[in-house]
Amino acid sequence: MKFSQRVGIVPIEKLAQRESIDEELRSSLWSVLCVFYWDTYLAPRDGVYGRSDYVRESNMHPLVASLWLNYFKSPIDTIDEYWDECRSRLRKYFFRASWHEVYDFVEFVANNGPERQRDGFIGAVNVYLEKENSAYRFVGGNIAEVTSAEEIASVEDALSLADEYRGARTHLRAALALLSDRVNPDFRNSIKESISAVESLARKMSGDENSTLGAILKELERSKKLHPALRSAFSSLYGYTSDADGIRHSLLDEGNLTKADARFMLVCCSAFLNYAVESVNAKT
């Protein structure tokens, strides 16, 4: 984390952009539209004198006409005569559109543009949606939510735990920062920070600097009658990164960890922190 993030001057990235879109993601999506569609414009062959960059009878005309007729719901005789003006109008709309209109537009172009560009376009869009931490992806030709509001809320709740649990909170902030770094994400260390947040909570609750997840589970099982199946699930989660002696598992030395792995661990550890703190507070 940068100094400005650690001291709270600059906010840490969110787990995902949900019901929002920042300028970096908007610009990236426009650039993908340019590469796969707008920059492929071919003028009509019969232009000889003066300007020849007409929209009508160009390779872009079917897509533009579909946009006017079925997306903007505007008369097609209001389509600009020349491609430069038409593209400028599309650009102005795109950069003024609300977050959901941007996704509407991208999805419409994917499903109504030239078929031969569709798969490449969808693949490129998904690359940038993931890179810019969007909560959405193309799934089956439609843009769908892949990171739920509940997951995001769970992480945000854990990040706002009382100062009594600031050690766990600090580890979670580091995990989120490492996961959401757009330039150089570090999934392995993000996972380590997530599980370290749980260990920090264990030490805090037990008063034992050598305490691990097992101590919290025993306390919850004794005081809250934690269901054995739930206890087993939490134990298995811990085993994802540690062996029986608490030594970091060799899995974290492998090079195939993904953003999905790190996000899963962050969400699960956040949910566990919230559950444990709420349970202990309810008992007191």
Protein backbone atom coordinates (compact mmCIF):
# COMPACT_ATOMS: atom_id res chain seq x y z
CA MET A 1 0.00 0.00 0.00
CA LYS A 2 1.03 3.57 -0.65
CA PHE A 3 1.58 5.85 2.36
CA SER A 4 -1.48 7.88 1.38
CA GLN A 5 -3.61 4.71 1.44
CA ARG A 6 -2.25 3.50 4.78
CA VAL A 7 -3.08 6.77 6.54
CA GLY A 8 -6.49 7.05 4.91
CA ILE A 9 -5.89 10.08 2.66
CA VAL A 10 -6.44 8.12 -0.53
CA PRO A 11 -9.00 5.30 -0.36
CA ILE A 12 -7.99 1.72 -1.07
CA GLU A 13 -9.53 0.22 -4.17
CA LYS A 14 -12.89 -1.47 -3.70
CA LEU A 15 -13.23 -5.20 -4.10
CA ALA A 16 -15.17 -4.48 -7.30
CA GLN A 17 -16.81 -1.66 -9.20
CA ARG A 18 -20.50 -2.41 -8.75
CA GLU A 19 -23.19 -0.01 -9.89
CA SER A 20 -20.42 2.37 -10.85
CA ILE A 21 -17.75 2.85 -13.48
CA ASP A 22 -14.63 4.96 -13.18
CA GLU A 23 -12.89 6.87 -15.95
CA GLU A 24 -10.15 4.27 -16.38
CA LEU A 25 -12.67 1.52 -17.10
CA ARG A 26 -14.84 3.74 -19.28
CA SER A 27 -11.82 4.79 -21.33
CA SER A 28 -10.65 1.19 -21.68
CA LEU A 29 -14.05 0.05 -22.94
CA TRP A 30 -14.17 2.88 -25.47
CA SER A 31 -10.70 1.93 -26.70
CA VAL A 32 -11.83 -1.67 -27.22
CA LEU A 33 -14.83 -0.38 -29.20
CA CYS A 34 -12.42 1.64 -31.34
CA VAL A 35 -10.09 -1.27 -32.01
CA PHE A 36 -12.78 -3.80 -32.92
CA TYR A 37 -15.35 -1.52 -34.60
CA TRP A 38 -14.83 2.21 -35.12
CA ASP A 39 -11.27 1.93 -36.44
CA THR A 40 -12.35 -0.70 -38.98
CA TYR A 41 -14.52 1.82 -40.87
CA LEU A 42 -14.35 1.46 -44.65
CA ALA A 43 -15.76 4.23 -46.85
CA PRO A 44 -18.14 3.46 -49.73
CA ARG A 45 -16.31 2.67 -52.95
CA ASP A 46 -18.09 5.18 -55.14
CA GLY A 47 -16.79 8.32 -53.39
CA VAL A 48 -14.72 10.26 -55.97
CA TYR A 49 -14.95 14.00 -55.34
CA GLY A 50 -14.78 15.82 -52.01
CA ARG A 51 -15.43 13.94 -48.80
CA SER A 52 -16.06 10.23 -49.09
CA ASP A 53 -16.38 9.19 -45.45
CA TYR A 54 -20.11 8.60 -45.66
CA VAL A 55 -21.91 6.48 -43.11
CA ARG A 56 -24.48 5.22 -45.59
CA GLU A 57 -23.23 2.24 -47.62
CA SER A 58 -20.09 1.97 -45.48
CA ASN A 59 -19.30 -1.18 -43.52
CA MET A 60 -20.44 0.63 -40.33
CA HIS A 61 -23.87 1.55 -41.66
CA PRO A 62 -25.72 -1.65 -40.54
CA LEU A 63 -24.45 -1.29 -36.97
CA VAL A 64 -25.09 2.46 -36.85
CA ALA A 65 -28.59 2.06 -38.27
CA SER A 66 -29.32 -0.63 -35.67
CA LEU A 67 -28.04 1.66 -32.91
CA TRP A 68 -30.32 4.51 -34.05
CA LEU A 69 -33.36 2.31 -34.59
CA ASN A 70 -33.13 -0.16 -31.68
CA TYR A 71 -30.86 1.41 -29.09
CA PHE A 72 -31.33 5.19 -29.22
CA LYS A 73 -34.89 4.78 -30.58
CA SER A 74 -34.25 7.74 -32.88
CA PRO A 75 -35.32 8.31 -36.51
CA ILE A 76 -32.69 6.89 -38.82
CA ASP A 77 -32.81 10.03 -40.95
CA THR A 78 -31.03 11.80 -38.07
CA ILE A 79 -27.91 9.67 -38.58
CA ASP A 80 -24.95 11.89 -39.43
CA GLU A 81 -23.98 11.90 -43.07
CA TYR A 82 -20.25 11.58 -42.41
CA TRP A 83 -18.50 9.00 -40.28
CA ASP A 84 -16.32 11.46 -38.33
CA GLU A 85 -19.39 13.33 -37.08
CA CYS A 86 -21.21 10.10 -36.33
CA ARG A 87 -18.28 8.69 -34.38
CA SER A 88 -17.95 11.97 -32.44
CA ARG A 89 -21.61 11.80 -31.49
CA LEU A 90 -21.25 8.20 -30.30
CA ARG A 91 -18.18 9.18 -28.28
CA LYS A 92 -19.96 12.10 -26.64
CA TYR A 93 -22.85 9.84 -25.67
CA PHE A 94 -20.54 7.14 -24.31
CA PHE A 95 -18.54 9.46 -22.05
CA ARG A 96 -21.67 11.14 -20.71
CA ALA A 97 -23.64 7.94 -20.19
CA SER A 98 -24.41 6.55 -16.75
CA TRP A 99 -22.60 3.39 -15.66
CA HIS A 100 -25.44 1.06 -16.67
CA GLU A 101 -25.87 2.78 -20.05
CA VAL A 102 -22.20 2.11 -20.79
CA TYR A 103 -22.79 -1.59 -20.23
CA ASP A 104 -26.03 -1.45 -22.25
CA PHE A 105 -24.15 0.12 -25.13
CA VAL A 106 -21.23 -2.33 -25.05
CA GLU A 107 -23.58 -5.30 -24.88
CA PHE A 108 -25.70 -3.97 -27.75
CA VAL A 109 -22.68 -3.46 -30.00
CA ALA A 110 -21.39 -6.95 -29.23
CA ASN A 111 -24.72 -8.52 -30.20
CA ASN A 112 -25.47 -6.35 -33.23
CA GLY A 113 -22.08 -5.67 -34.76
CA PRO A 114 -20.31 -7.80 -37.38
CA GLU A 115 -20.32 -11.43 -36.29
CA ARG A 116 -16.66 -12.01 -37.13
CA GLN A 117 -15.54 -9.43 -34.54
CA ARG A 118 -17.88 -10.52 -31.76
CA ASP A 119 -15.81 -13.17 -29.97
CA GLY A 120 -12.62 -11.11 -30.04
CA PHE A 121 -14.49 -8.04 -28.80
CA ILE A 122 -16.16 -9.90 -25.93
CA GLY A 123 -12.85 -11.46 -24.92
CA ALA A 124 -11.08 -8.09 -24.89
CA VAL A 125 -13.91 -6.45 -22.92
CA ASN A 126 -13.70 -9.19 -20.28
CA VAL A 127 -9.95 -8.67 -19.98
CA TYR A 128 -10.45 -5.01 -19.10
CA LEU A 129 -13.46 -5.65 -16.88
CA GLU A 130 -11.28 -7.96 -14.82
CA LYS A 131 -8.23 -5.69 -14.92
CA GLU A 132 -10.24 -2.68 -13.75
CA ASN A 133 -12.03 -4.66 -11.02
CA SER A 134 -15.51 -4.51 -12.45
CA ALA A 135 -18.20 -6.61 -10.81
CA TYR A 136 -19.46 -7.62 -14.27
CA ARG A 137 -18.39 -9.85 -17.17
CA PHE A 138 -19.75 -11.03 -20.50
CA VAL A 139 -21.38 -14.40 -19.81
CA GLY A 140 -23.17 -16.16 -22.64
CA GLY A 141 -23.29 -13.00 -24.75
CA ASN A 142 -24.77 -10.85 -21.98
CA ILE A 143 -23.10 -8.74 -19.30
CA ALA A 144 -23.80 -10.31 -15.91
CA GLU A 145 -22.78 -9.65 -12.31
CA VAL A 146 -20.05 -11.96 -11.08
CA THR A 147 -19.28 -10.26 -7.76
CA SER A 148 -22.36 -9.83 -5.59
CA ALA A 149 -23.39 -6.92 -3.43
CA GLU A 150 -23.28 -9.25 -0.43
CA GLU A 151 -19.62 -10.11 -1.05
CA ILE A 152 -18.67 -6.46 -1.36
CA ALA A 153 -20.63 -5.55 1.77
CA SER A 154 -18.93 -8.34 3.72
CA VAL A 155 -15.48 -7.00 2.89
CA GLU A 156 -16.48 -3.40 3.59
CA ASP A 157 -17.99 -4.39 6.96
CA ALA A 158 -14.78 -6.17 7.94
CA LEU A 159 -12.72 -3.16 6.90
CA SER A 160 -14.76 -1.02 9.29
CA LEU A 161 -14.30 -3.21 12.38
CA ALA A 162 -13.69 -1.33 15.60
CA ASP A 163 -10.16 -0.19 16.51
CA GLU A 164 -10.06 -3.07 18.96
CA TYR A 165 -9.49 -5.27 15.91
CA ARG A 166 -7.26 -2.89 13.98
CA GLY A 167 -4.62 -5.60 13.46
CA ALA A 168 -7.04 -7.76 11.50
CA ARG A 169 -8.35 -4.67 9.74
CA THR A 170 -4.84 -3.67 8.63
CA HIS A 171 -4.18 -7.11 7.14
CA LEU A 172 -7.48 -6.97 5.25
CA ARG A 173 -6.66 -3.55 3.85
CA ALA A 174 -3.33 -4.90 2.63
CA ALA A 175 -5.05 -7.94 1.09
CA LEU A 176 -7.50 -5.72 -0.79
CA ALA A 177 -4.76 -3.36 -1.98
CA LEU A 178 -2.63 -6.24 -3.29
CA LEU A 179 -5.64 -7.81 -5.01
CA SER A 180 -6.94 -4.65 -6.65
CA ASP A 181 -3.62 -3.17 -7.79
CA ARG A 182 -4.27 -2.59 -11.49
CA VAL A 183 -0.62 -2.42 -12.49
CA ASN A 184 0.97 -5.22 -10.50
CA PRO A 185 -1.55 -7.31 -8.53
CA ASP A 186 -0.04 -9.78 -6.06
CA PHE A 187 -2.52 -12.60 -5.54
CA ARG A 188 -0.20 -14.78 -3.44
CA ASN A 189 0.51 -12.12 -0.85
CA SER A 190 -3.10 -10.98 -0.91
CA ILE A 191 -4.11 -14.49 0.19
CA LYS A 192 -1.46 -14.43 2.92
CA GLU A 193 -2.75 -11.10 4.21
CA SER A 194 -6.33 -12.36 4.27
CA ILE A 195 -5.47 -15.38 6.39
CA SER A 196 -3.20 -13.22 8.54
CA ALA A 197 -6.26 -11.11 9.35
CA VAL A 198 -7.93 -14.22 10.77
CA GLU A 199 -4.81 -15.12 12.75
CA SER A 200 -4.66 -11.58 14.13
CA LEU A 201 -8.23 -11.87 15.32
CA ALA A 202 -7.42 -15.22 16.93
CA ARG A 203 -4.54 -13.69 18.87
CA LYS A 204 -6.71 -10.77 19.95
CA MET A 205 -9.61 -12.91 21.13
CA SER A 206 -7.49 -15.48 22.94
CA GLY A 207 -4.82 -13.16 24.32
CA ASP A 208 -2.26 -15.65 23.04
CA GLU A 209 0.31 -14.44 20.52
CA ASN A 210 0.66 -18.00 19.19
CA SER A 211 -3.07 -18.56 18.77
CA THR A 212 -4.53 -19.65 15.42
CA LEU A 213 -7.93 -20.12 13.86
CA GLY A 214 -8.54 -23.23 15.94
CA ALA A 215 -8.72 -21.16 19.13
CA ILE A 216 -11.54 -19.01 17.74
CA LEU A 217 -13.43 -22.06 16.51
CA LYS A 218 -13.23 -23.71 19.93
CA GLU A 219 -14.45 -20.54 21.61
CA LEU A 220 -17.33 -20.15 19.14
CA GLU A 221 -18.20 -23.83 19.46
CA ARG A 222 -18.30 -23.55 23.24
CA SER A 223 -20.09 -20.22 23.55
CA LYS A 224 -22.36 -20.19 20.49
CA LYS A 225 -22.80 -23.91 19.81
CA LEU A 226 -21.15 -23.59 16.44
CA HIS A 227 -22.45 -26.29 14.12
CA PRO A 228 -19.80 -28.99 13.44
CA ALA A 229 -20.30 -28.64 9.66
CA LEU A 230 -19.60 -24.91 9.85
CA ARG A 231 -16.58 -25.52 12.03
CA SER A 232 -15.29 -28.01 9.48
CA ALA A 233 -15.81 -25.54 6.66
CA PHE A 234 -13.81 -22.83 8.45
CA SER A 235 -11.06 -25.32 9.30
CA SER A 236 -10.84 -26.38 5.65
CA LEU A 237 -10.59 -22.74 4.63
CA TYR A 238 -7.61 -22.29 6.92
CA GLY A 239 -6.07 -25.45 5.53
CA TYR A 240 -6.09 -23.79 2.11
CA THR A 241 -3.05 -21.79 3.13
CA SER A 242 -1.57 -23.62 6.11
CA ASP A 243 -0.67 -27.15 7.08
CA ALA A 244 -1.37 -28.71 10.48
CA ASP A 245 1.65 -26.97 12.03
CA GLY A 246 0.62 -23.53 10.87
CA ILE A 247 3.35 -23.40 8.24
CA ARG A 248 2.43 -21.71 4.96
CA HIS A 249 1.25 -24.32 2.50
CA SER A 250 3.27 -24.98 -0.66
CA LEU A 251 0.21 -23.95 -2.67
CA LEU A 252 1.22 -20.35 -2.08
CA ASP A 253 4.54 -21.05 -3.79
CA GLU A 254 2.83 -22.09 -7.00
CA GLY A 255 2.54 -19.69 -9.92
CA ASN A 256 -1.04 -20.42 -10.95
CA LEU A 257 -2.91 -18.36 -8.35
CA THR A 258 -5.56 -16.14 -9.88
CA LYS A 259 -7.59 -13.11 -8.95
CA ALA A 260 -10.51 -15.46 -8.31
CA ASP A 261 -8.44 -17.33 -5.68
CA ALA A 262 -7.44 -14.12 -3.92
CA ARG A 263 -10.94 -12.65 -4.07
CA PHE A 264 -12.45 -15.87 -2.71
CA MET A 265 -10.07 -15.85 0.24
CA LEU A 266 -10.65 -12.16 0.95
CA VAL A 267 -14.44 -12.56 0.93
CA CYS A 268 -14.38 -15.73 3.03
CA CYS A 269 -11.98 -14.34 5.62
CA SER A 270 -13.98 -11.10 5.82
CA ALA A 271 -17.18 -13.05 6.35
CA PHE A 272 -15.54 -15.11 9.07
CA LEU A 273 -14.20 -12.01 10.85
CA ASN A 274 -17.64 -10.43 10.82
CA TYR A 275 -19.23 -13.63 12.11
CA ALA A 276 -16.69 -14.14 14.89
CA VAL A 277 -16.77 -10.54 16.12
CA GLU A 278 -20.56 -10.40 16.03
CA SER A 279 -20.81 -13.72 17.90
CA VAL A 280 -18.39 -12.68 20.63
CA ASN A 281 -20.04 -9.27 21.04
CA ALA A 282 -23.47 -10.92 21.26
CA LYS A 283 -22.21 -13.16 24.06
CA THR A 284 -20.94 -10.18 26.04
